[in-house]
Amino acid sequence: MFPSPVIPEPGTLGLLALGLPGLGLLRRRRRAE
């Protein structure tokens, strides 16, 4: 993670936390099918 002077909002952190793994799952599912 890169240091930032401004703390991101909880919503942003939530989107990143759910979004990154979500993209990985979508890619795996597409490859499987």
N, C-alpha and C. Protein backbone atom coordinates (compact mmCIF):
# COMPACT_ATOMS: atom_id res chain seq x y z
N MET A 1 0.85 -1.20 0.00
CA MET A 1 0.00 0.00 0.00
C MET A 1 0.88 1.24 0.00
N PHE A 2 0.45 2.28 -0.70
CA PHE A 2 1.23 3.50 -0.75
C PHE A 2 0.74 4.47 0.32
N PRO A 3 1.67 5.16 0.99
CA PRO A 3 1.30 6.12 2.04
C PRO A 3 0.63 7.35 1.44
N SER A 4 -0.44 7.83 2.06
CA SER A 4 -1.13 9.01 1.55
C SER A 4 -1.44 9.95 2.70
N PRO A 5 -1.29 11.25 2.49
CA PRO A 5 -1.55 12.24 3.54
C PRO A 5 -3.03 12.27 3.93
N VAL A 6 -3.89 11.90 2.99
CA VAL A 6 -5.33 11.93 3.27
C VAL A 6 -5.84 10.51 3.46
N ILE A 7 -6.59 10.29 4.54
CA ILE A 7 -7.14 8.96 4.80
C ILE A 7 -8.39 8.75 3.95
N PRO A 8 -8.43 7.71 3.12
CA PRO A 8 -9.59 7.44 2.27
C PRO A 8 -10.82 7.09 3.11
N GLU A 9 -12.00 7.31 2.54
CA GLU A 9 -13.23 7.03 3.28
C GLU A 9 -13.43 5.52 3.42
N PRO A 10 -14.16 5.10 4.45
CA PRO A 10 -14.44 3.67 4.67
C PRO A 10 -15.08 3.04 3.44
N GLY A 11 -15.91 3.80 2.75
CA GLY A 11 -16.57 3.28 1.55
C GLY A 11 -15.55 2.91 0.49
N THR A 12 -14.56 3.80 0.31
CA THR A 12 -13.52 3.53 -0.70
C THR A 12 -12.74 2.28 -0.34
N LEU A 13 -12.38 2.16 0.93
CA LEU A 13 -11.63 0.98 1.38
C LEU A 13 -12.46 -0.27 1.17
N GLY A 14 -13.76 -0.18 1.44
CA GLY A 14 -14.65 -1.33 1.28
C GLY A 14 -14.72 -1.75 -0.18
N LEU A 15 -14.83 -0.76 -1.08
CA LEU A 15 -14.92 -1.08 -2.51
C LEU A 15 -13.65 -1.77 -2.98
N LEU A 16 -12.50 -1.26 -2.51
CA LEU A 16 -11.23 -1.86 -2.91
C LEU A 16 -11.11 -3.27 -2.34
N ALA A 17 -11.48 -3.43 -1.08
CA ALA A 17 -11.35 -4.73 -0.42
C ALA A 17 -12.24 -5.78 -1.10
N LEU A 18 -13.45 -5.35 -1.52
CA LEU A 18 -14.37 -6.30 -2.17
C LEU A 18 -14.10 -6.38 -3.67
N GLY A 19 -13.67 -5.29 -4.25
CA GLY A 19 -13.48 -5.23 -5.70
C GLY A 19 -12.29 -6.04 -6.19
N LEU A 20 -11.15 -5.92 -5.50
CA LEU A 20 -9.95 -6.64 -5.96
C LEU A 20 -10.17 -8.15 -5.99
N PRO A 21 -10.61 -8.77 -4.90
CA PRO A 21 -10.88 -10.21 -4.91
C PRO A 21 -12.00 -10.55 -5.89
N GLY A 22 -12.97 -9.66 -6.03
CA GLY A 22 -14.09 -9.90 -6.93
C GLY A 22 -13.62 -10.04 -8.37
N LEU A 23 -12.69 -9.15 -8.78
CA LEU A 23 -12.17 -9.23 -10.14
C LEU A 23 -11.44 -10.55 -10.35
N GLY A 24 -10.69 -10.98 -9.34
CA GLY A 24 -9.95 -12.24 -9.44
C GLY A 24 -10.91 -13.41 -9.62
N LEU A 25 -12.01 -13.39 -8.86
CA LEU A 25 -12.98 -14.49 -8.96
C LEU A 25 -13.63 -14.49 -10.34
N LEU A 26 -13.95 -13.30 -10.85
CA LEU A 26 -14.60 -13.23 -12.17
C LEU A 26 -13.67 -13.79 -13.24
N ARG A 27 -12.38 -13.45 -13.13
CA ARG A 27 -11.42 -13.93 -14.13
C ARG A 27 -11.32 -15.45 -14.07
N ARG A 28 -11.29 -15.99 -12.84
CA ARG A 28 -11.17 -17.44 -12.70
C ARG A 28 -12.41 -18.13 -13.25
N ARG A 29 -13.58 -17.55 -12.97
CA ARG A 29 -14.82 -18.17 -13.44
C ARG A 29 -14.88 -18.14 -14.96
N ARG A 30 -14.46 -17.04 -15.57
CA ARG A 30 -14.50 -16.93 -17.03
C ARG A 30 -13.55 -17.95 -17.65
N ARG A 31 -12.38 -18.15 -17.04
CA ARG A 31 -11.42 -19.11 -17.58
C ARG A 31 -11.97 -20.52 -17.44
N ALA A 32 -12.62 -20.80 -16.31
CA ALA A 32 -13.17 -22.14 -16.06
C ALA A 32 -14.23 -22.46 -17.11
N GLU A 33 -15.08 -21.48 -17.40
CA GLU A 33 -16.14 -21.70 -18.39
C GLU A 33 -15.56 -21.59 -19.80
